[in-house]
Protein backbone atom coordinates (compact mmCIF):
# COMPACT_ATOMS: atom_id res chain seq x y z
CA MET A 1 -10.09 6.29 6.72
CA PRO A 2 -9.65 4.41 9.71
CA ILE A 3 -6.92 5.25 12.46
CA SER A 4 -5.30 2.51 14.16
CA PRO A 5 -5.43 2.88 18.17
CA TYR A 6 -1.83 3.13 18.17
CA LEU A 7 -1.68 6.07 15.76
CA LYS A 8 -4.64 7.79 17.45
CA SER A 9 -2.68 7.49 20.81
CA LEU A 10 0.39 9.20 19.01
CA ARG A 11 -2.17 12.02 17.58
CA ASP A 12 -3.41 12.43 20.97
CA VAL A 13 -0.21 13.68 22.13
CA VAL A 14 1.15 15.47 19.15
CA GLY A 15 -1.77 16.67 17.52
CA PRO A 16 -1.47 17.31 13.76
CA ARG A 17 2.51 17.82 13.52
CA LEU A 18 4.25 15.87 11.29
CA LEU A 19 4.83 12.21 12.00
CA LEU A 20 7.32 9.97 10.23
CA LEU A 21 5.57 6.68 10.04
CA PRO A 22 6.79 3.06 8.57
CA GLY A 23 4.52 1.89 5.86
CA VAL A 24 4.12 -0.93 3.19
CA THR A 25 2.77 -1.22 -0.19
CA ALA A 26 1.87 -4.33 -1.91
CA VAL A 27 2.19 -4.70 -5.85
CA VAL A 28 0.16 -7.97 -6.01
CA PHE A 29 0.04 -10.19 -9.07
CA ASP A 30 -2.49 -13.12 -9.89
CA ASP A 31 -1.59 -16.37 -12.19
CA ALA A 32 -2.48 -14.13 -15.00
CA GLY A 33 0.01 -11.32 -14.22
CA ARG A 34 -2.82 -9.02 -13.59
CA ILE A 35 -2.09 -6.25 -10.91
CA LEU A 36 -4.68 -5.81 -7.78
CA LEU A 37 -5.63 -1.99 -7.37
CA GLY A 38 -8.11 -0.59 -5.39
CA GLN A 39 -10.26 2.64 -5.90
CA ARG A 40 -9.57 4.96 -2.73
CA SER A 41 -12.61 6.19 -1.04
CA ASP A 42 -11.06 9.48 0.21
CA ASP A 43 -10.10 10.79 -3.52
CA ARG A 44 -11.28 8.09 -5.79
CA SER A 45 -7.97 7.59 -7.34
CA TRP A 46 -7.00 4.16 -8.14
CA SER A 47 -3.83 2.95 -6.29
CA LEU A 48 -1.74 -0.17 -4.88
CA ILE A 49 -2.85 -1.48 -1.48
CA ALA A 50 -0.87 0.25 1.28
CA GLY A 51 -0.85 0.68 4.90
CA VAL A 52 0.94 1.59 8.29
CA MET A 53 2.95 -1.04 10.44
CA ASP A 54 1.62 -1.48 13.95
CA PRO A 55 4.05 -1.92 16.69
CA GLY A 56 5.79 -5.31 16.72
CA GLU A 57 4.76 -6.01 13.39
CA GLN A 58 7.14 -7.18 10.67
CA PRO A 59 6.85 -5.38 7.24
CA ALA A 60 6.04 -8.71 5.43
CA GLU A 61 3.42 -9.13 8.23
CA THR A 62 1.94 -5.70 7.61
CA VAL A 63 1.83 -6.22 3.71
CA VAL A 64 -0.34 -9.66 4.11
CA ARG A 65 -2.59 -8.01 6.69
CA GLU A 66 -3.30 -4.74 4.76
CA VAL A 67 -4.14 -6.57 1.51
CA TYR A 68 -6.69 -8.99 3.12
CA GLU A 69 -7.99 -6.20 5.33
CA GLU A 70 -8.74 -4.13 2.09
CA THR A 71 -9.20 -6.66 -0.57
CA ALA A 72 -10.36 -10.21 0.92
CA VAL A 73 -7.02 -11.59 -1.05
CA HIS A 74 -4.42 -13.75 0.56
CA VAL A 75 -0.87 -12.93 -0.33
CA VAL A 76 2.67 -14.18 -0.11
CA PRO A 77 5.31 -11.43 -0.16
CA GLU A 78 7.83 -12.64 -2.68
CA ARG A 79 10.55 -9.69 -2.46
CA VAL A 80 11.14 -6.19 -1.54
CA THR A 81 10.88 -4.13 -4.61
CA SER A 82 11.62 -0.44 -3.57
CA VAL A 83 12.21 1.63 -0.28
CA LEU A 84 11.79 5.23 -0.27
CA THR A 85 10.42 8.17 1.84
CA GLN A 86 7.24 9.57 0.49
CA PRO A 87 6.59 13.41 0.11
CA PRO A 88 4.92 14.93 3.16
CA ASN A 89 1.09 14.45 3.04
CA THR A 90 -1.48 16.46 4.97
CA TYR A 91 -5.12 14.86 5.26
CA PRO A 92 -8.06 16.75 5.10
CA ASN A 93 -8.20 16.92 9.06
CA GLY A 94 -4.99 18.70 9.00
CA ASP A 95 -2.73 15.74 10.32
CA ARG A 96 0.61 15.74 8.59
CA THR A 97 2.87 12.52 7.81
CA GLU A 98 5.53 11.35 5.91
CA TYR A 99 5.81 7.49 5.33
CA VAL A 100 9.02 5.56 5.03
CA ASP A 101 7.76 2.82 2.44
CA ILE A 102 8.75 -0.49 1.71
CA ALA A 103 6.98 -2.00 -1.41
CA PHE A 104 6.74 -5.72 -1.78
CA ARG A 105 6.13 -7.92 -5.09
CA CYS A 106 3.38 -10.27 -3.78
CA ARG A 107 1.58 -13.28 -5.18
CA ALA A 108 -2.06 -13.89 -4.64
CA VAL A 109 -2.61 -17.39 -3.32
CA GLY A 110 -6.39 -17.29 -2.04
CA GLY A 111 -9.32 -15.34 -1.36
CA ARG A 112 -11.37 -13.50 -4.24
CA ALA A 113 -11.02 -9.65 -4.90
CA ARG A 114 -13.59 -7.37 -3.28
CA VAL A 115 -13.99 -4.18 -1.09
CA ASN A 116 -13.54 -5.65 2.48
CA ASP A 117 -13.29 -2.46 4.50
CA ASP A 118 -14.27 1.37 4.07
CA GLU A 119 -11.09 2.41 2.49
CA SER A 120 -12.00 1.32 -0.97
CA LEU A 121 -15.01 2.14 -3.34
CA ALA A 122 -13.75 -0.75 -5.71
CA VAL A 123 -11.23 -3.29 -6.07
CA GLY A 124 -9.97 -5.09 -9.08
CA TRP A 125 -7.45 -7.05 -11.15
CA PHE A 126 -5.78 -4.99 -14.18
CA ASP A 127 -3.32 -5.97 -16.96
CA PRO A 128 -0.20 -4.25 -16.85
CA ALA A 129 -0.78 -2.75 -19.91
CA GLY A 130 -4.26 -1.39 -19.33
CA LEU A 131 -3.90 0.29 -15.85
CA PRO A 132 -6.31 3.03 -14.96
CA PRO A 133 -4.67 6.77 -14.51
CA LEU A 134 -2.19 6.22 -11.47
CA ALA A 135 0.11 8.63 -9.65
CA GLU A 136 3.71 8.63 -10.85
CA LEU A 137 4.93 7.11 -7.54
CA THR A 138 2.27 4.27 -7.92
CA ARG A 139 3.54 3.67 -11.57
CA ARG A 140 7.14 3.58 -10.34
CA ARG A 141 6.41 0.91 -7.51
CA ILE A 142 4.71 -1.03 -10.42
CA GLU A 143 7.61 -0.82 -12.61
CA CYS A 144 10.19 -1.91 -9.92
CA ALA A 145 7.99 -4.98 -9.16
CA LEU A 146 7.79 -5.79 -12.84
CA ARG A 147 11.50 -5.93 -13.15
CA PRO A 148 13.15 -9.18 -13.05
CA GLY A 149 15.79 -10.04 -10.18
CA GLU A 150 15.91 -9.49 -6.66
CA ALA A 151 17.44 -5.92 -6.50
CA ALA A 152 15.11 -3.35 -4.78
CA TRP A 153 15.12 0.18 -6.28
CA PHE A 154 16.22 2.75 -3.58
CA SER A 155 15.69 6.66 -3.93
CA ALA A 156 19.16 8.52 -3.80
């Protein structure tokens, strides 16, 4: 997985110590109601498209950028669906992170889903009733995005 120049500069100073980072996740729907997923290149699991904000970037800008960078799909964020702090994570190189994540329900408005960088092995559209095996947190994000209304889910 590539590391942003900003994050690399932080790691050069703090090493592998725990970093609290702002992140976004996209629950992208097409006109048929299918959900966009990517199969991660690091652990081969299927997941929603997500990424870390860059300095000066708004969360909605980040979600648009990340979806395009990873899948070549253009999206419009429709609403925030959940806000939570993910459990701490340790990468294979020893770097520790904890993400404060804002999930967005997004609508696909262009592009054609394909692997667009080295973070994914595959990209595809899935009917909500026929999703591949997903992590519990990924399923919760999808459930929140499928709920009608404007209220976001917050972890207590």
